[in-house]
Amino acid sequence: MFGNRGIIFEDHHTLRLAIVETDEENNDSDILGFYGVELLSSQPEATRDTLRDQLGLEELEATLEFFHLETVGEQRHHIIIPKEALARGRDGVGTVHHVAWSMEDDLKQQEWREYLQDEGFHVTDVKDRNYFKAMYMREKGHVLLEYATDGPDFAVDEPLDALGQKLMLPEQYESQREEIEKTLPKVEL
């Protein structure tokens, strides 16, 4: 995978995933985070142009099959865009709904909102998601992008040392708790 060893597989919904080895020093069993994402676009060149020209990603390579871009900053995530134009997808099990970009705070998010609107994109109002604030836009190839603040974070409604031990819901979904809990798989702690 672009000079790194990896294992490609599908989950039980046929979503294609990969585990990629990197040069970073770590314990051999550590999974450090996301290497990147493959964006399936109805207009691959337009998606590449948006990421490169408006969002500032670096284009590393263009082959007959795909565009390969990389984010800036410390993480250097990889973005792969197959050149085959695909029909616009449907939301549902086995799909990824959107790709999220991290914004350090509300001010940076507002700066990006104004910039994207000036570039001609329709950007949603900022939505308070309790754990972060988010805004959304569809880029020129119809891929949905989220711009989310880093905070306040997941410790706003439970102690840090108890994170993940019980289902926490944003207030607007609390009335649906029983219905939501019925759909979740059982998890052994």
C-alpha atoms as a PDB file:
ATOM      1  CA  MET A   1       0.000   0.000   0.000  1.00  0.00           C
ATOM      2  CA  PHE A   2       2.036   2.915  -1.348  1.00  0.00           C
ATOM      3  CA  GLY A   3       5.317   1.521  -0.073  1.00  0.00           C
ATOM      4  CA  ASN A   4       3.896   0.034   3.142  1.00  0.00           C
ATOM      5  CA  ARG A   5       2.861  -3.549   3.836  1.00  0.00           C
ATOM      6  CA  GLY A   6      -0.810  -4.113   4.535  1.00  0.00           C
ATOM      7  CA  ILE A   7      -3.683  -6.539   4.760  1.00  0.00           C
ATOM      8  CA  ILE A   8      -6.885  -5.791   2.832  1.00  0.00           C
ATOM      9  CA  PHE A   9     -10.144  -7.436   3.943  1.00  0.00           C
ATOM     10  CA  GLU A  10     -13.907  -6.855   4.026  1.00  0.00           C
ATOM     11  CA  ASP A  11     -16.113  -6.604   7.081  1.00  0.00           C
ATOM     12  CA  HIS A  12     -19.364  -8.573   7.299  1.00  0.00           C
ATOM     13  CA  HIS A  13     -21.150  -5.775   5.381  1.00  0.00           C
ATOM     14  CA  THR A  14     -18.564  -6.019   2.517  1.00  0.00           C
ATOM     15  CA  LEU A  15     -17.008  -2.679   3.472  1.00  0.00           C
ATOM     16  CA  ARG A  16     -13.383  -2.829   2.311  1.00  0.00           C
ATOM     17  CA  LEU A  17     -10.837  -2.210   5.100  1.00  0.00           C
ATOM     18  CA  ALA A  18      -7.065  -2.453   5.418  1.00  0.00           C
ATOM     19  CA  ILE A  19      -4.488  -2.618   8.185  1.00  0.00           C
ATOM     20  CA  VAL A  20      -1.335  -0.803   7.049  1.00  0.00           C
ATOM     21  CA  GLU A  21       2.141  -1.039   8.522  1.00  0.00           C
ATOM     22  CA  THR A  22       4.036   2.244   8.898  1.00  0.00           C
ATOM     23  CA  ASP A  23       7.553   3.273   9.875  1.00  0.00           C
ATOM     24  CA  GLU A  24       6.424   4.781  13.194  1.00  0.00           C
ATOM     25  CA  GLU A  25       7.998   3.246  16.283  1.00  0.00           C
ATOM     26  CA  ASN A  26       5.483   1.273  18.279  1.00  0.00           C
ATOM     27  CA  ASN A  27       4.750  -2.032  19.878  1.00  0.00           C
ATOM     28  CA  ASP A  28       4.181  -4.643  17.154  1.00  0.00           C
ATOM     29  CA  SER A  29       0.589  -5.137  18.309  1.00  0.00           C
ATOM     30  CA  ASP A  30      -0.419  -1.456  18.365  1.00  0.00           C
ATOM     31  CA  ILE A  31      -2.980  -0.040  15.975  1.00  0.00           C
ATOM     32  CA  LEU A  32      -2.231   3.667  16.057  1.00  0.00           C
ATOM     33  CA  GLY A  33      -5.138   5.154  14.121  1.00  0.00           C
ATOM     34  CA  PHE A  34      -6.437   5.747  10.651  1.00  0.00           C
ATOM     35  CA  TYR A  35      -3.931   5.569   7.815  1.00  0.00           C
ATOM     36  CA  GLY A  36      -6.438   7.114   5.483  1.00  0.00           C
ATOM     37  CA  VAL A  37      -9.623   6.625   3.535  1.00  0.00           C
ATOM     38  CA  GLU A  38     -10.792   5.758   0.041  1.00  0.00           C
ATOM     39  CA  LEU A  39     -13.407   8.199  -1.261  1.00  0.00           C
ATOM     40  CA  LEU A  40     -15.853   6.799  -3.799  1.00  0.00           C
ATOM     41  CA  SER A  41     -16.893   9.738  -5.928  1.00  0.00           C
ATOM     42  CA  SER A  42     -19.356  10.293  -8.739  1.00  0.00           C
ATOM     43  CA  GLN A  43     -16.895  12.883 -10.117  1.00  0.00           C
ATOM     44  CA  PRO A  44     -13.366  11.777  -9.115  1.00  0.00           C
ATOM     45  CA  GLU A  45     -11.499  14.663 -10.755  1.00  0.00           C
ATOM     46  CA  ALA A  46     -13.806  17.200  -9.102  1.00  0.00           C
ATOM     47  CA  THR A  47     -13.280  15.510  -5.728  1.00  0.00           C
ATOM     48  CA  ARG A  48      -9.509  15.581  -6.239  1.00  0.00           C
ATOM     49  CA  ASP A  49      -9.685  19.253  -7.248  1.00  0.00           C
ATOM     50  CA  THR A  50     -11.699  20.158  -4.130  1.00  0.00           C
ATOM     51  CA  LEU A  51      -9.314  18.350  -1.802  1.00  0.00           C
ATOM     52  CA  ARG A  52      -6.209  19.710  -3.479  1.00  0.00           C
ATOM     53  CA  ASP A  53      -7.252  23.221  -4.517  1.00  0.00           C
ATOM     54  CA  GLN A  54      -9.709  24.270  -1.797  1.00  0.00           C
ATOM     55  CA  LEU A  55      -8.705  22.107   1.178  1.00  0.00           C
ATOM     56  CA  GLY A  56      -4.943  22.169   0.661  1.00  0.00           C
ATOM     57  CA  LEU A  57      -4.149  18.462   0.462  1.00  0.00           C
ATOM     58  CA  GLU A  58      -0.994  17.442  -1.382  1.00  0.00           C
ATOM     59  CA  GLU A  59      -1.399  15.268  -4.469  1.00  0.00           C
ATOM     60  CA  LEU A  60       1.268  12.570  -4.199  1.00  0.00           C
ATOM     61  CA  GLU A  61       0.438  10.501  -7.256  1.00  0.00           C
ATOM     62  CA  ALA A  62      -2.035  10.039 -10.092  1.00  0.00           C
ATOM     63  CA  THR A  63      -2.143   6.659 -11.836  1.00  0.00           C
ATOM     64  CA  LEU A  64      -4.529   5.191 -14.377  1.00  0.00           C
ATOM     65  CA  GLU A  65      -6.628   3.827 -11.486  1.00  0.00           C
ATOM     66  CA  PHE A  66      -6.589   6.457  -8.725  1.00  0.00           C
ATOM     67  CA  PHE A  67      -5.557   9.815  -7.288  1.00  0.00           C
ATOM     68  CA  HIS A  68      -3.453   9.625  -4.099  1.00  0.00           C
ATOM     69  CA  LEU A  69      -3.466  12.663  -1.807  1.00  0.00           C
ATOM     70  CA  GLU A  70      -2.124  13.325   1.665  1.00  0.00           C
ATOM     71  CA  THR A  71      -3.315  15.671   4.404  1.00  0.00           C
ATOM     72  CA  VAL A  72      -1.017  18.310   5.807  1.00  0.00           C
ATOM     73  CA  GLY A  73      -0.010  18.495   9.450  1.00  0.00           C
ATOM     74  CA  GLU A  74       1.419  15.950  11.813  1.00  0.00           C
ATOM     75  CA  GLN A  75      -0.845  12.981  10.979  1.00  0.00           C
ATOM     76  CA  ARG A  76      -0.373  12.946   7.167  1.00  0.00           C
ATOM     77  CA  HIS A  77      -3.460  10.817   6.421  1.00  0.00           C
ATOM     78  CA  HIS A  78      -3.759   9.312   2.947  1.00  0.00           C
ATOM     79  CA  ILE A  79      -6.783   9.909   0.714  1.00  0.00           C
ATOM     80  CA  ILE A  80      -7.330   7.580  -2.238  1.00  0.00           C
ATOM     81  CA  ILE A  81      -9.857   8.470  -4.945  1.00  0.00           C
ATOM     82  CA  PRO A  82     -10.479   5.752  -7.536  1.00  0.00           C
ATOM     83  CA  LYS A  83     -10.797   7.318 -10.992  1.00  0.00           C
ATOM     84  CA  GLU A  84     -13.833   5.192 -11.835  1.00  0.00           C
ATOM     85  CA  ALA A  85     -16.887   7.424 -11.471  1.00  0.00           C
ATOM     86  CA  LEU A  86     -19.461   5.666  -9.319  1.00  0.00           C
ATOM     87  CA  ALA A  87     -23.165   6.226  -8.909  1.00  0.00           C
ATOM     88  CA  ARG A  88     -24.028   8.255  -5.862  1.00  0.00           C
ATOM     89  CA  GLY A  89     -24.268   5.913  -2.880  1.00  0.00           C
ATOM     90  CA  ARG A  90     -27.094   5.359  -0.463  1.00  0.00           C
ATOM     91  CA  ASP A  91     -26.868   5.622   3.303  1.00  0.00           C
ATOM     92  CA  GLY A  92     -27.162   2.342   5.146  1.00  0.00           C
ATOM     93  CA  VAL A  93     -25.359  -0.534   6.786  1.00  0.00           C
ATOM     94  CA  GLY A  94     -21.965  -1.218   5.238  1.00  0.00           C
ATOM     95  CA  THR A  95     -21.297   2.344   4.112  1.00  0.00           C
ATOM     96  CA  VAL A  96     -19.330   5.250   5.512  1.00  0.00           C
ATOM     97  CA  HIS A  97     -21.618   8.259   5.780  1.00  0.00           C
ATOM     98  CA  HIS A  98     -18.981  11.020   5.757  1.00  0.00           C
ATOM     99  CA  VAL A  99     -15.364  11.925   6.355  1.00  0.00           C
ATOM    100  CA  ALA A 100     -14.639  14.288   9.246  1.00  0.00           C
ATOM    101  CA  TRP A 101     -11.978  16.982   9.425  1.00  0.00           C
ATOM    102  CA  SER A 102     -10.840  18.226  12.830  1.00  0.00           C
ATOM    103  CA  MET A 103     -11.081  21.925  13.728  1.00  0.00           C
ATOM    104  CA  GLU A 104      -9.253  23.080  16.866  1.00  0.00           C
ATOM    105  CA  ASP A 105     -12.068  25.367  18.057  1.00  0.00           C
ATOM    106  CA  ASP A 106     -15.218  27.341  17.182  1.00  0.00           C
ATOM    107  CA  LEU A 107     -13.222  30.254  15.771  1.00  0.00           C
ATOM    108  CA  LYS A 108     -11.266  28.062  13.341  1.00  0.00           C
ATOM    109  CA  GLN A 109     -14.496  26.323  12.339  1.00  0.00           C
ATOM    110  CA  GLN A 110     -16.164  29.676  11.595  1.00  0.00           C
ATOM    111  CA  GLU A 111     -13.151  30.767   9.507  1.00  0.00           C
ATOM    112  CA  TRP A 112     -13.449  27.567   7.459  1.00  0.00           C
ATOM    113  CA  ARG A 113     -17.219  28.028   7.104  1.00  0.00           C
ATOM    114  CA  GLU A 114     -16.760  31.510   5.673  1.00  0.00           C
ATOM    115  CA  TYR A 115     -13.931  30.358   3.385  1.00  0.00           C
ATOM    116  CA  LEU A 116     -15.923  27.405   2.015  1.00  0.00           C
ATOM    117  CA  GLN A 117     -18.963  29.597   1.403  1.00  0.00           C
ATOM    118  CA  ASP A 118     -16.743  32.124  -0.398  1.00  0.00           C
ATOM    119  CA  GLU A 119     -15.498  29.221  -2.569  1.00  0.00           C
ATOM    120  CA  GLY A 120     -19.106  28.514  -3.599  1.00  0.00           C
ATOM    121  CA  PHE A 121     -19.933  25.521  -1.387  1.00  0.00           C
ATOM    122  CA  HIS A 122     -23.199  25.174   0.518  1.00  0.00           C
ATOM    123  CA  VAL A 123     -22.205  24.681   4.150  1.00  0.00           C
ATOM    124  CA  THR A 124     -24.760  23.770   6.815  1.00  0.00           C
ATOM    125  CA  ASP A 125     -25.285  25.742   9.965  1.00  0.00           C
ATOM    126  CA  VAL A 126     -23.095  24.620  12.855  1.00  0.00           C
ATOM    127  CA  LYS A 127     -24.784  21.761  14.736  1.00  0.00           C
ATOM    128  CA  ASP A 128     -24.173  21.272  18.469  1.00  0.00           C
ATOM    129  CA  ARG A 129     -23.456  17.524  18.857  1.00  0.00           C
ATOM    130  CA  ASN A 130     -22.901  17.807  22.626  1.00  0.00           C
ATOM    131  CA  TYR A 131     -19.343  16.405  22.407  1.00  0.00           C
ATOM    132  CA  PHE A 132     -18.297  18.658  19.521  1.00  0.00           C
ATOM    133  CA  LYS A 133     -19.782  21.139  17.059  1.00  0.00           C
ATOM    134  CA  ALA A 134     -20.099  20.125  13.425  1.00  0.00           C
ATOM    135  CA  MET A 135     -20.918  21.585  10.035  1.00  0.00           C
ATOM    136  CA  TYR A 136     -21.254  19.701   6.752  1.00  0.00           C
ATOM    137  CA  MET A 137     -20.822  20.207   3.017  1.00  0.00           C
ATOM    138  CA  ARG A 138     -20.862  18.075  -0.104  1.00  0.00           C
ATOM    139  CA  GLU A 139     -17.794  18.611  -2.221  1.00  0.00           C
ATOM    140  CA  LYS A 140     -17.970  18.748  -6.035  1.00  0.00           C
ATOM    141  CA  GLY A 141     -17.987  14.945  -6.392  1.00  0.00           C
ATOM    142  CA  HIS A 142     -20.842  14.657  -3.843  1.00  0.00           C
ATOM    143  CA  VAL A 143     -18.770  13.206  -0.974  1.00  0.00           C
ATOM    144  CA  LEU A 144     -20.112  14.482   2.357  1.00  0.00           C
ATOM    145  CA  LEU A 145     -17.470  16.189   4.514  1.00  0.00           C
ATOM    146  CA  GLU A 146     -17.853  17.122   8.178  1.00  0.00           C
ATOM    147  CA  TYR A 147     -15.847  19.855   9.913  1.00  0.00           C
ATOM    148  CA  ALA A 148     -15.936  19.131  13.662  1.00  0.00           C
ATOM    149  CA  THR A 149     -14.384  20.928  16.621  1.00  0.00           C
ATOM    150  CA  ASP A 150     -11.999  19.004  18.860  1.00  0.00           C
ATOM    151  CA  GLY A 151     -14.068  19.754  21.933  1.00  0.00           C
ATOM    152  CA  PRO A 152     -15.574  19.957  24.335  1.00  0.00           C
ATOM    153  CA  ASP A 153     -14.940  16.134  24.060  1.00  0.00           C
ATOM    154  CA  PHE A 154     -16.553  12.963  25.374  1.00  0.00           C
ATOM    155  CA  ALA A 155     -15.985  13.724  29.064  1.00  0.00           C
ATOM    156  CA  VAL A 156     -18.711  16.405  29.200  1.00  0.00           C
ATOM    157  CA  ASP A 157     -21.323  14.045  30.620  1.00  0.00           C
ATOM    158  CA  GLU A 158     -19.335  11.324  32.427  1.00  0.00           C
ATOM    159  CA  PRO A 159     -15.990  11.021  34.215  1.00  0.00           C
ATOM    160  CA  LEU A 160     -12.969  10.296  32.036  1.00  0.00           C
ATOM    161  CA  ASP A 161     -12.196   7.051  33.866  1.00  0.00           C
ATOM    162  CA  ALA A 162     -15.746   5.760  33.152  1.00  0.00           C
ATOM    163  CA  LEU A 163     -15.856   6.493  29.404  1.00  0.00           C
ATOM    164  CA  GLY A 164     -17.436   3.692  27.414  1.00  0.00           C
ATOM    165  CA  GLN A 165     -18.887   1.812  30.372  1.00  0.00           C
ATOM    166  CA  LYS A 166     -22.485   2.830  29.670  1.00  0.00           C
ATOM    167  CA  LEU A 167     -24.395   4.237  26.726  1.00  0.00           C
ATOM    168  CA  MET A 168     -24.428   8.017  26.799  1.00  0.00           C
ATOM    169  CA  LEU A 169     -26.869   9.765  24.492  1.00  0.00           C
ATOM    170  CA  PRO A 170     -27.179  13.401  23.511  1.00  0.00           C
ATOM    171  CA  GLU A 171     -30.253  14.963  25.102  1.00  0.00           C
ATOM    172  CA  GLN A 172     -32.250  14.969  21.849  1.00  0.00           C
ATOM    173  CA  TYR A 173     -32.028  11.128  21.689  1.00  0.00           C
ATOM    174  CA  GLU A 174     -32.667  10.353  25.349  1.00  0.00           C
ATOM    175  CA  SER A 175     -36.394   9.815  24.726  1.00  0.00           C
ATOM    176  CA  GLN A 176     -35.436   7.034  22.271  1.00  0.00           C
ATOM    177  CA  ARG A 177     -33.044   5.246  24.676  1.00  0.00           C
ATOM    178  CA  GLU A 178     -35.051   2.024  24.993  1.00  0.00           C
ATOM    179  CA  GLU A 179     -35.471   1.691  21.210  1.00  0.00           C
ATOM    180  CA  ILE A 180     -31.780   2.464  20.558  1.00  0.00           C
ATOM    181  CA  GLU A 181     -30.537   0.027  23.214  1.00  0.00           C
ATOM    182  CA  LYS A 182     -32.591  -2.807  21.664  1.00  0.00           C
ATOM    183  CA  THR A 183     -30.705  -2.436  18.374  1.00  0.00           C
ATOM    184  CA  LEU A 184     -27.200  -2.534  19.864  1.00  0.00           C
ATOM    185  CA  PRO A 185     -25.163  -5.724  20.025  1.00  0.00           C
ATOM    186  CA  LYS A 186     -24.302  -7.041  23.489  1.00  0.00           C
ATOM    187  CA  VAL A 187     -20.775  -6.093  24.569  1.00  0.00           C
ATOM    188  CA  GLU A 188     -18.893  -7.948  27.271  1.00  0.00           C
ATOM    189  CA  LEU A 189     -16.648  -5.752  29.439  1.00  0.00           C
END
